[in-house]
Structures are given as structure tokens and as C-alpha cells.
């Protein structure tokens, strides 16, 4: 469904479904922030209270973890949001193709 990191293809290469009219916009970014924040905040609190690492070590490890998790989740959540729009027939996905 995706071409590159976040670019949605105009059509599906397998079934030729039109994908150009999706409206993912900022939804995947908001969901990514929500998920990463809810995962990393308790881990940060737990590691700080149990192990008391140096602040620079703690900031470095959690910065790398946050960026890595965000980069991992963002394209998957964009694909999931476009798939949800397709499944719910939103934003033009429910229209019949010309000649069908």
C-alpha cells in the first residue's frame, strides 16, 4: 500500500483499488504520539525509581527508544488508518468504478 516510507500509492499493485482519495492527514502522527507516550512514560518512571541511572544516560536511552518506536509505528498506523477508511467505505472508497 505504501510507496517509500509514508507515501500512499495511487492504486493497489495487486487489485488495482484506487487509493489516491484517502484522508489520513495527521491521524497517524497523533496516534503514534499517543501510543509512544503511553508506553514510554511508565517505563521512564519505573526505570528512574528502581535503578536511578544518571540523567544523561536516562535521557539518551529514552530518546533513542522514543525515536525508534515512533519511526517503527508511523507507517504501520498510516496503513491501518487508510485500511480503516477502506473498510468503512469512507472518503470515496465506496464508489463503484466506472463501467462496473
PDB file of N, CA and C in Angstrom:
ATOM      1  N   UNK A   1       0.817  -1.180   0.000  1.00  0.00           N
ATOM      2  CA  UNK A   1       0.000   0.000   0.000  1.00  0.00           C
ATOM      3  C   UNK A   1       0.867   1.252   0.000  1.00  0.00           C
ATOM      4  N   UNK A   2       1.991   1.211   0.697  1.00  0.00           N
ATOM      5  CA  UNK A   2       2.848   2.382   0.784  1.00  0.00           C
ATOM      6  C   UNK A   2       3.993   2.290  -0.211  1.00  0.00           C
ATOM      7  N   UNK A   3       4.322   3.433  -0.781  1.00  0.00           N
ATOM      8  CA  UNK A   3       5.493   3.548  -1.651  1.00  0.00           C
ATOM      9  C   UNK A   3       6.454   4.450  -0.912  1.00  0.00           C
ATOM     10  N   UNK A   4       7.602   3.954  -0.560  1.00  0.00           N
ATOM     11  CA  UNK A   4       8.511   4.719   0.270  1.00  0.00           C
ATOM     12  C   UNK A   4       8.127   4.566   1.734  1.00  0.00           C
ATOM     13  N   UNK A   5       8.408   5.596   2.514  1.00  0.00           N
ATOM     14  CA  UNK A   5       8.161   5.498   3.956  1.00  0.00           C
ATOM     15  C   UNK A   5       6.719   5.810   4.317  1.00  0.00           C
ATOM     16  N   UNK A   6       6.162   6.902   3.789  1.00  0.00           N
ATOM     17  CA  UNK A   6       4.792   7.288   4.148  1.00  0.00           C
ATOM     18  C   UNK A   6       3.909   7.615   2.954  1.00  0.00           C
ATOM     19  N   UNK A   7       4.420   7.536   1.759  1.00  0.00           N
ATOM     20  CA  UNK A   7       3.643   7.903   0.570  1.00  0.00           C
ATOM     21  C   UNK A   7       2.718   6.751   0.183  1.00  0.00           C
ATOM     22  N   UNK A   8       1.422   7.032   0.129  1.00  0.00           N
ATOM     23  CA  UNK A   8       0.439   6.023  -0.270  1.00  0.00           C
ATOM     24  C   UNK A   8       0.395   5.967  -1.787  1.00  0.00           C
ATOM     25  N   UNK A   9       0.411   4.761  -2.327  1.00  0.00           N
ATOM     26  CA  UNK A   9       0.326   4.589  -3.779  1.00  0.00           C
ATOM     27  C   UNK A   9      -1.016   5.091  -4.297  1.00  0.00           C
ATOM     28  N   UNK A  10      -1.063   5.458  -5.576  1.00  0.00           N
ATOM     29  CA  UNK A  10      -2.327   5.886  -6.180  1.00  0.00           C
ATOM     30  C   UNK A  10      -3.295   4.726  -6.336  1.00  0.00           C
ATOM     31  N   UNK A  11      -2.766   3.560  -6.677  1.00  0.00           N
ATOM     32  CA  UNK A  11      -3.595   2.357  -6.810  1.00  0.00           C
ATOM     33  C   UNK A  11      -2.859   1.181  -6.179  1.00  0.00           C
ATOM     34  N   UNK A  12      -3.635   0.198  -5.766  1.00  0.00           N
ATOM     35  CA  UNK A  12      -3.059  -1.019  -5.207  1.00  0.00           C
ATOM     36  C   UNK A  12      -2.398  -1.822  -6.330  1.00  0.00           C
ATOM     37  N   UNK A  13      -1.152  -2.276  -6.152  1.00  0.00           N
ATOM     38  CA  UNK A  13      -0.499  -3.042  -7.211  1.00  0.00           C
ATOM     39  C   UNK A  13      -1.095  -4.440  -7.418  1.00  0.00           C
ATOM     40  N   UNK A  14      -1.849  -4.951  -6.451  1.00  0.00           N
ATOM     41  CA  UNK A  14      -2.414  -6.292  -6.550  1.00  0.00           C
ATOM     42  C   UNK A  14      -3.818  -6.276  -7.149  1.00  0.00           C
ATOM     43  N   UNK A  15      -4.698  -5.428  -6.595  1.00  0.00           N
ATOM     44  CA  UNK A  15      -6.101  -5.467  -7.003  1.00  0.00           C
ATOM     45  C   UNK A  15      -6.550  -4.225  -7.771  1.00  0.00           C
ATOM     46  N   UNK A  16      -5.672  -3.282  -7.976  1.00  0.00           N
ATOM     47  CA  UNK A  16      -5.948  -2.034  -8.702  1.00  0.00           C
ATOM     48  C   UNK A  16      -7.003  -1.162  -8.020  1.00  0.00           C
ATOM     49  N   UNK A  17      -7.186  -1.313  -6.718  1.00  0.00           N
ATOM     50  CA  UNK A  17      -8.095  -0.440  -5.965  1.00  0.00           C
ATOM     51  C   UNK A  17      -7.516   0.973  -5.942  1.00  0.00           C
ATOM     52  N   UNK A  18      -8.354   1.953  -6.180  1.00  0.00           N
ATOM     53  CA  UNK A  18      -7.941   3.361  -6.147  1.00  0.00           C
ATOM     54  C   UNK A  18      -7.695   3.770  -4.699  1.00  0.00           C
ATOM     55  N   UNK A  19      -6.489   4.263  -4.397  1.00  0.00           N
ATOM     56  CA  UNK A  19      -6.135   4.661  -3.042  1.00  0.00           C
ATOM     57  C   UNK A  19      -5.860   6.157  -2.915  1.00  0.00           C
ATOM     58  N   UNK A  20      -5.924   6.872  -4.020  1.00  0.00           N
ATOM     59  CA  UNK A  20      -5.488   8.271  -4.015  1.00  0.00           C
ATOM     60  C   UNK A  20      -6.419   9.188  -3.240  1.00  0.00           C
ATOM     61  N   UNK A  21      -7.634   8.774  -2.947  1.00  0.00           N
ATOM     62  CA  UNK A  21      -8.563   9.650  -2.265  1.00  0.00           C
ATOM     63  C   UNK A  21      -8.613   9.431  -0.750  1.00  0.00           C
ATOM     64  N   UNK A  22      -7.634   8.763  -0.180  1.00  0.00           N
ATOM     65  CA  UNK A  22      -7.604   8.566   1.273  1.00  0.00           C
ATOM     66  C   UNK A  22      -7.399   9.915   1.967  1.00  0.00           C
ATOM     67  N   UNK A  23      -7.781   9.991   3.224  1.00  0.00           N
ATOM     68  CA  UNK A  23      -7.608  11.196   4.019  1.00  0.00           C
ATOM     69  C   UNK A  23      -6.987  10.826   5.367  1.00  0.00           C
ATOM     70  N   UNK A  24      -5.731  10.403   5.346  1.00  0.00           N
ATOM     71  CA  UNK A  24      -5.059  10.042   6.601  1.00  0.00           C
ATOM     72  C   UNK A  24      -4.611  11.291   7.360  1.00  0.00           C
ATOM     73  N   UNK A  25      -4.140  12.305   6.649  1.00  0.00           N
ATOM     74  CA  UNK A  25      -3.726  13.592   7.215  1.00  0.00           C
ATOM     75  C   UNK A  25      -2.843  13.406   8.456  1.00  0.00           C
ATOM     76  N   UNK A  26      -3.242  13.975   9.593  1.00  0.00           N
ATOM     77  CA  UNK A  26      -2.415  13.947  10.802  1.00  0.00           C
ATOM     78  C   UNK A  26      -2.788  12.816  11.753  1.00  0.00           C
ATOM     79  N   UNK A  27      -3.751  12.001  11.404  1.00  0.00           N
ATOM     80  CA  UNK A  27      -4.188  10.925  12.282  1.00  0.00           C
ATOM     81  C   UNK A  27      -3.082   9.970  12.703  1.00  0.00           C
ATOM     82  N   UNK A  28      -2.264   9.469  11.773  1.00  0.00           N
ATOM     83  CA  UNK A  28      -1.198   8.560  12.176  1.00  0.00           C
ATOM     84  C   UNK A  28      -0.189   9.189  13.133  1.00  0.00           C
ATOM     85  N   UNK A  29       0.119  10.460  12.931  1.00  0.00           N
ATOM     86  CA  UNK A  29       1.059  11.133  13.838  1.00  0.00           C
ATOM     87  C   UNK A  29       0.473  11.261  15.236  1.00  0.00           C
ATOM     88  N   UNK A  30      -0.799  11.623  15.336  1.00  0.00           N
ATOM     89  CA  UNK A  30      -1.446  11.728  16.646  1.00  0.00           C
ATOM     90  C   UNK A  30      -1.498  10.369  17.345  1.00  0.00           C
ATOM     91  N   UNK A  31      -1.846   9.332  16.602  1.00  0.00           N
ATOM     92  CA  UNK A  31      -1.893   8.004  17.200  1.00  0.00           C
ATOM     93  C   UNK A  31      -0.511   7.531  17.640  1.00  0.00           C
ATOM     94  N   UNK A  32       0.506   7.849  16.853  1.00  0.00           N
ATOM     95  CA  UNK A  32       1.871   7.477  17.212  1.00  0.00           C
ATOM     96  C   UNK A  32       2.293   8.158  18.502  1.00  0.00           C
ATOM     97  N   UNK A  33       2.029   9.450  18.605  1.00  0.00           N
ATOM     98  CA  UNK A  33       2.370  10.177  19.831  1.00  0.00           C
ATOM     99  C   UNK A  33       1.621   9.597  21.026  1.00  0.00           C
ATOM    100  N   UNK A  34       0.355   9.289  20.834  1.00  0.00           N
ATOM    101  CA  UNK A  34      -0.455   8.732  21.912  1.00  0.00           C
ATOM    102  C   UNK A  34       0.110   7.398  22.399  1.00  0.00           C
ATOM    103  N   UNK A  35       0.407   6.507  21.478  1.00  0.00           N
ATOM    104  CA  UNK A  35       0.902   5.178  21.842  1.00  0.00           C
ATOM    105  C   UNK A  35       2.294   5.249  22.454  1.00  0.00           C
ATOM    106  N   UNK A  36       3.201   5.978  21.803  1.00  0.00           N
ATOM    107  CA  UNK A  36       4.573   6.068  22.310  1.00  0.00           C
ATOM    108  C   UNK A  36       4.596   6.745  23.676  1.00  0.00           C
ATOM    109  N   UNK A  37       3.817   7.781  23.848  1.00  0.00           N
ATOM    110  CA  UNK A  37       3.769   8.449  25.143  1.00  0.00           C
ATOM    111  C   UNK A  37       3.251   7.558  26.247  1.00  0.00           C
ATOM    112  N   UNK A  38       2.217   6.779  25.932  1.00  0.00           N
ATOM    113  CA  UNK A  38       1.654   5.887  26.955  1.00  0.00           C
ATOM    114  C   UNK A  38       2.542   4.687  27.243  1.00  0.00           C
ATOM    115  N   UNK A  39       3.417   4.340  26.335  1.00  0.00           N
ATOM    116  CA  UNK A  39       4.364   3.248  26.600  1.00  0.00           C
ATOM    117  C   UNK A  39       5.627   3.740  27.303  1.00  0.00           C
ATOM    118  N   UNK A  40       6.156   4.871  26.850  1.00  0.00           N
ATOM    119  CA  UNK A  40       7.445   5.316  27.365  1.00  0.00           C
ATOM    120  C   UNK A  40       7.349   6.007  28.734  1.00  0.00           C
ATOM    121  N   UNK A  41       6.267   6.709  29.010  1.00  0.00           N
ATOM    122  CA  UNK A  41       6.173   7.425  30.292  1.00  0.00           C
ATOM    123  C   UNK A  41       6.216   6.478  31.493  1.00  0.00           C
ATOM    124  N   UNK A  42       5.437   5.388  31.510  1.00  0.00           N
ATOM    125  CA  UNK A  42       5.565   4.475  32.655  1.00  0.00           C
ATOM    126  C   UNK A  42       6.937   3.794  32.730  1.00  0.00           C
ATOM    127  N   UNK A  43       7.521   3.480  31.568  1.00  0.00           N
ATOM    128  CA  UNK A  43       8.864   2.884  31.575  1.00  0.00           C
ATOM    129  C   UNK A  43       9.900   3.854  32.129  1.00  0.00           C
ATOM    130  N   UNK A  44       9.769   5.110  31.760  1.00  0.00           N
ATOM    131  CA  UNK A  44      10.679   6.132  32.269  1.00  0.00           C
ATOM    132  C   UNK A  44      10.550   6.265  33.779  1.00  0.00           C
ATOM    133  N   UNK A  45       9.342   6.318  34.273  1.00  0.00           N
ATOM    134  CA  UNK A  45       9.115   6.428  35.713  1.00  0.00           C
ATOM    135  C   UNK A  45       9.636   5.195  36.455  1.00  0.00           C
ATOM    136  N   UNK A  46       9.344   4.018  35.899  1.00  0.00           N
ATOM    137  CA  UNK A  46       9.800   2.776  36.531  1.00  0.00           C
ATOM    138  C   UNK A  46      11.319   2.706  36.589  1.00  0.00           C
ATOM    139  N   UNK A  47      11.983   2.985  35.474  1.00  0.00           N
ATOM    140  CA  UNK A  47      13.444   2.883  35.449  1.00  0.00           C
ATOM    141  C   UNK A  47      14.094   3.948  36.333  1.00  0.00           C
ATOM    142  N   UNK A  48      13.494   5.122  36.407  1.00  0.00           N
ATOM    143  CA  UNK A  48      14.057   6.163  37.267  1.00  0.00           C
ATOM    144  C   UNK A  48      13.905   5.819  38.742  1.00  0.00           C
ATOM    145  N   UNK A  49      12.766   5.271  39.127  1.00  0.00           N
ATOM    146  CA  UNK A  49      12.553   4.978  40.547  1.00  0.00           C
ATOM    147  C   UNK A  49      13.266   3.713  41.014  1.00  0.00           C
ATOM    148  N   UNK A  50      13.483   2.749  40.125  1.00  0.00           N
ATOM    149  CA  UNK A  50      14.098   1.485  40.553  1.00  0.00           C
ATOM    150  C   UNK A  50      15.618   1.463  40.404  1.00  0.00           C
ATOM    151  N   UNK A  51      16.153   2.096  39.364  1.00  0.00           N
ATOM    152  CA  UNK A  51      17.588   1.981  39.103  1.00  0.00           C
ATOM    153  C   UNK A  51      18.357   3.284  39.286  1.00  0.00           C
ATOM    154  N   UNK A  52      17.703   4.419  39.278  1.00  0.00           N
ATOM    155  CA  UNK A  52      18.339   5.733  39.444  1.00  0.00           C
ATOM    156  C   UNK A  52      19.569   5.909  38.537  1.00  0.00           C
ATOM    157  N   UNK A  53      19.416   5.766  37.217  1.00  0.00           N
ATOM    158  CA  UNK A  53      20.562   5.984  36.332  1.00  0.00           C
ATOM    159  C   UNK A  53      20.914   7.471  36.251  1.00  0.00           C
ATOM    160  N   UNK A  54      22.065   7.741  35.722  1.00  0.00           N
ATOM    161  CA  UNK A  54      22.477   9.129  35.515  1.00  0.00           C
ATOM    162  C   UNK A  54      21.485   9.808  34.569  1.00  0.00           C
ATOM    163  N   UNK A  55      21.211  11.077  34.776  1.00  0.00           N
ATOM    164  CA  UNK A  55      20.236  11.761  33.920  1.00  0.00           C
ATOM    165  C   UNK A  55      20.587  11.738  32.440  1.00  0.00           C
ATOM    166  N   UNK A  56      21.847  11.881  32.112  1.00  0.00           N
ATOM    167  CA  UNK A  56      22.252  11.868  30.702  1.00  0.00           C
ATOM    168  C   UNK A  56      22.048  10.488  30.080  1.00  0.00           C
ATOM    169  N   UNK A  57      22.329   9.439  30.831  1.00  0.00           N
ATOM    170  CA  UNK A  57      22.112   8.079  30.356  1.00  0.00           C
ATOM    171  C   UNK A  57      20.616   7.828  30.160  1.00  0.00           C
ATOM    172  N   UNK A  58      19.823   8.229  31.128  1.00  0.00           N
ATOM    173  CA  UNK A  58      18.374   8.048  31.049  1.00  0.00           C
ATOM    174  C   UNK A  58      17.795   8.801  29.850  1.00  0.00           C
ATOM    175  N   UNK A  59      18.199  10.050  29.679  1.00  0.00           N
ATOM    176  CA  UNK A  59      17.706  10.848  28.552  1.00  0.00           C
ATOM    177  C   UNK A  59      18.153  10.267  27.224  1.00  0.00           C
ATOM    178  N   UNK A  60      19.377   9.795  27.140  1.00  0.00           N
ATOM    179  CA  UNK A  60      19.879   9.230  25.890  1.00  0.00           C
ATOM    180  C   UNK A  60      19.149   7.943  25.511  1.00  0.00           C
ATOM    181  N   UNK A  61      18.999   7.056  26.469  1.00  0.00           N
ATOM    182  CA  UNK A  61      18.344   5.774  26.191  1.00  0.00           C
ATOM    183  C   UNK A  61      16.882   5.986  25.811  1.00  0.00           C
ATOM    184  N   UNK A  62      16.182   6.821  26.539  1.00  0.00           N
ATOM    185  CA  UNK A  62      14.769   7.016  26.244  1.00  0.00           C
ATOM    186  C   UNK A  62      14.550   7.863  24.999  1.00  0.00           C
ATOM    187  N   UNK A  63      15.464   8.731  24.666  1.00  0.00           N
ATOM    188  CA  UNK A  63      15.352   9.484  23.412  1.00  0.00           C
ATOM    189  C   UNK A  63      15.493   8.550  22.214  1.00  0.00           C
ATOM    190  N   UNK A  64      16.489   7.688  22.269  1.00  0.00           N
ATOM    191  CA  UNK A  64      16.675   6.722  21.182  1.00  0.00           C
ATOM    192  C   UNK A  64      15.485   5.776  21.091  1.00  0.00           C
ATOM    193  N   UNK A  65      15.002   5.308  22.237  1.00  0.00           N
ATOM    194  CA  UNK A  65      13.845   4.409  22.249  1.00  0.00           C
ATOM    195  C   UNK A  65      12.588   5.070  21.713  1.00  0.00           C
ATOM    196  N   UNK A  66      12.375   6.324  22.076  1.00  0.00           N
ATOM    197  CA  UNK A  66      11.197   7.047  21.620  1.00  0.00           C
ATOM    198  C   UNK A  66      11.242   7.278  20.116  1.00  0.00           C
ATOM    199  N   UNK A  67      12.386   7.692  19.605  1.00  0.00           N
ATOM    200  CA  UNK A  67      12.521   7.925  18.166  1.00  0.00           C
ATOM    201  C   UNK A  67      12.375   6.613  17.398  1.00  0.00           C
ATOM    202  N   UNK A  68      13.002   5.552  17.882  1.00  0.00           N
ATOM    203  CA  UNK A  68      12.924   4.267  17.190  1.00  0.00           C
ATOM    204  C   UNK A  68      11.495   3.735  17.164  1.00  0.00           C
ATOM    205  N   UNK A  69      10.799   3.807  18.277  1.00  0.00           N
ATOM    206  CA  UNK A  69       9.425   3.326  18.331  1.00  0.00           C
ATOM    207  C   UNK A  69       8.504   4.182  17.459  1.00  0.00           C
ATOM    208  N   UNK A  70       8.730   5.486  17.435  1.00  0.00           N
ATOM    209  CA  UNK A  70       7.932   6.369  16.592  1.00  0.00           C
ATOM    210  C   UNK A  70       8.141   6.060  15.116  1.00  0.00           C
ATOM    211  N   UNK A  71       9.392   5.884  14.711  1.00  0.00           N
ATOM    212  CA  UNK A  71       9.678   5.566  13.310  1.00  0.00           C
ATOM    213  C   UNK A  71       9.136   4.198  12.918  1.00  0.00           C
ATOM    214  N   UNK A  72       9.084   3.275  13.857  1.00  0.00           N
ATOM    215  CA  UNK A  72       8.523   1.956  13.580  1.00  0.00           C
ATOM    216  C   UNK A  72       7.006   2.005  13.427  1.00  0.00           C
ATOM    217  N   UNK A  73       6.339   2.743  14.299  1.00  0.00           N
ATOM    218  CA  UNK A  73       4.879   2.744  14.315  1.00  0.00           C
ATOM    219  C   UNK A  73       4.230   3.624  13.244  1.00  0.00           C
ATOM    220  N   UNK A  74       4.869   4.709  12.858  1.00  0.00           N
ATOM    221  CA  UNK A  74       4.230   5.693  11.987  1.00  0.00           C
ATOM    222  C   UNK A  74       3.729   5.121  10.658  1.00  0.00           C
ATOM    223  N   UNK A  75       4.531   4.397   9.871  1.00  0.00           N
ATOM    224  CA  UNK A  75       3.981   3.868   8.615  1.00  0.00           C
ATOM    225  C   UNK A  75       2.931   2.791   8.828  1.00  0.00           C
ATOM    226  N   UNK A  76       3.052   2.017   9.893  1.00  0.00           N
ATOM    227  CA  UNK A  76       2.057   0.973  10.164  1.00  0.00           C
ATOM    228  C   UNK A  76       0.714   1.582  10.551  1.00  0.00           C
ATOM    229  N   UNK A  77       0.745   2.649  11.326  1.00  0.00           N
ATOM    230  CA  UNK A  77      -0.501   3.303  11.701  1.00  0.00           C
ATOM    231  C   UNK A  77      -1.121   4.046  10.514  1.00  0.00           C
ATOM    232  N   UNK A  78      -0.290   4.564   9.618  1.00  0.00           N
ATOM    233  CA  UNK A  78      -0.845   5.198   8.419  1.00  0.00           C
ATOM    234  C   UNK A  78      -1.546   4.150   7.557  1.00  0.00           C
ATOM    235  N   UNK A  79      -0.914   3.010   7.368  1.00  0.00           N
ATOM    236  CA  UNK A  79      -1.552   1.931   6.619  1.00  0.00           C
ATOM    237  C   UNK A  79      -2.826   1.454   7.283  1.00  0.00           C
ATOM    238  N   UNK A  80      -2.820   1.377   8.606  1.00  0.00           N
ATOM    239  CA  UNK A  80      -4.022   0.946   9.331  1.00  0.00           C
ATOM    240  C   UNK A  80      -5.148   1.971   9.195  1.00  0.00           C
ATOM    241  N   UNK A  81      -4.803   3.241   9.186  1.00  0.00           N
ATOM    242  CA  UNK A  81      -5.825   4.270   9.053  1.00  0.00           C
ATOM    243  C   UNK A  81      -6.424   4.284   7.649  1.00  0.00           C
ATOM    244  N   UNK A  82      -5.600   4.100   6.628  1.00  0.00           N
ATOM    245  CA  UNK A  82      -6.118   4.006   5.262  1.00  0.00           C
ATOM    246  C   UNK A  82      -6.961   2.741   5.116  1.00  0.00           C
ATOM    247  N   UNK A  83      -6.532   1.648   5.724  1.00  0.00           N
ATOM    248  CA  UNK A  83      -7.309   0.408   5.680  1.00  0.00           C
ATOM    249  C   UNK A  83      -8.643   0.554   6.395  1.00  0.00           C
ATOM    250  N   UNK A  84      -8.666   1.289   7.504  1.00  0.00           N
ATOM    251  CA  UNK A  84      -9.922   1.542   8.205  1.00  0.00           C
ATOM    252  C   UNK A  84     -10.869   2.367   7.334  1.00  0.00           C
ATOM    253  N   UNK A  85     -10.322   3.361   6.648  1.00  0.00           N
ATOM    254  CA  UNK A  85     -11.150   4.159   5.741  1.00  0.00           C
ATOM    255  C   UNK A  85     -11.704   3.288   4.616  1.00  0.00           C
ATOM    256  N   UNK A  86     -10.901   2.383   4.113  1.00  0.00           N
ATOM    257  CA  UNK A  86     -11.362   1.482   3.048  1.00  0.00           C
ATOM    258  C   UNK A  86     -12.456   0.557   3.587  1.00  0.00           C
ATOM    259  N   UNK A  87     -12.253  -0.005   4.772  1.00  0.00           N
ATOM    260  CA  UNK A  87     -13.212  -0.947   5.345  1.00  0.00           C
ATOM    261  C   UNK A  87     -14.553  -0.285   5.662  1.00  0.00           C
ATOM    262  N   UNK A  88     -14.515   0.968   6.086  1.00  0.00           N
ATOM    263  CA  UNK A  88     -15.736   1.702   6.418  1.00  0.00           C
ATOM    264  C   UNK A  88     -16.319   2.440   5.208  1.00  0.00           C
ATOM    265  N   UNK A  89     -15.669   2.296   4.049  1.00  0.00           N
ATOM    266  CA  UNK A  89     -16.101   2.956   2.803  1.00  0.00           C
ATOM    267  C   UNK A  89     -16.174   4.476   2.974  1.00  0.00           C
ATOM    268  N   UNK A  90     -15.159   5.036   3.567  1.00  0.00           N
ATOM    269  CA  UNK A  90     -15.102   6.475   3.806  1.00  0.00           C
ATOM    270  C   UNK A  90     -14.314   7.166   2.697  1.00  0.00           C
ATOM    271  N   UNK A  91     -14.595   8.438   2.452  1.00  0.00           N
ATOM    272  CA  UNK A  91     -13.825   9.307   1.571  1.00  0.00           C
ATOM    273  C   UNK A  91     -13.712   8.781   0.152  1.00  0.00           C
ATOM    274  N   UNK A  92     -14.776   8.230  -0.384  1.00  0.00           N
ATOM    275  CA  UNK A  92     -14.778   7.817  -1.781  1.00  0.00           C
ATOM    276  C   UNK A  92     -14.429   6.358  -2.010  1.00  0.00           C
ATOM    277  N   UNK A  93     -14.108   5.598  -0.995  1.00  0.00           N
ATOM    278  CA  UNK A  93     -13.776   4.192  -1.199  1.00  0.00           C
ATOM    279  C   UNK A  93     -15.006   3.356  -1.573  1.00  0.00           C
ATOM    280  N   UNK A  94     -16.195   3.817  -1.274  1.00  0.00           N
ATOM    281  CA  UNK A  94     -17.392   3.038  -1.548  1.00  0.00           C
ATOM    282  C   UNK A  94     -17.954   3.222  -2.944  1.00  0.00           C
ATOM    283  N   UNK A  95     -17.412   4.164  -3.707  1.00  0.00           N
ATOM    284  CA  UNK A  95     -17.931   4.390  -5.050  1.00  0.00           C
ATOM    285  C   UNK A  95     -17.583   3.236  -5.978  1.00  0.00           C
ATOM    286  N   UNK A  96     -18.492   2.972  -6.882  1.00  0.00           N
ATOM    287  CA  UNK A  96     -18.240   1.943  -7.890  1.00  0.00           C
ATOM    288  C   UNK A  96     -17.284   2.496  -8.951  1.00  0.00           C
ATOM    289  N   UNK A  97     -16.442   1.643  -9.471  1.00  0.00           N
ATOM    290  CA  UNK A  97     -15.526   2.039 -10.527  1.00  0.00           C
ATOM    291  C   UNK A  97     -16.314   2.281 -11.813  1.00  0.00           C
ATOM    292  N   UNK A  98     -15.846   3.188 -12.679  1.00  0.00           N
ATOM    293  CA  UNK A  98     -16.529   3.415 -13.943  1.00  0.00           C
ATOM    294  C   UNK A  98     -16.625   2.120 -14.769  1.00  0.00           C
ATOM    295  N   UNK A  99     -17.816   1.841 -15.264  1.00  0.00           N
ATOM    296  CA  UNK A  99     -18.005   0.641 -16.073  1.00  0.00           C
ATOM    297  C   UNK A  99     -18.295  -0.608 -15.257  1.00  0.00           C
ATOM    298  N   UNK A 100     -18.374  -0.472 -13.925  1.00  0.00           N
ATOM    299  CA  UNK A 100     -18.620  -1.655 -13.090  1.00  0.00           C
ATOM    300  C   UNK A 100     -20.100  -1.851 -12.852  1.00  0.00           C
TER     301      UNK A 100
END
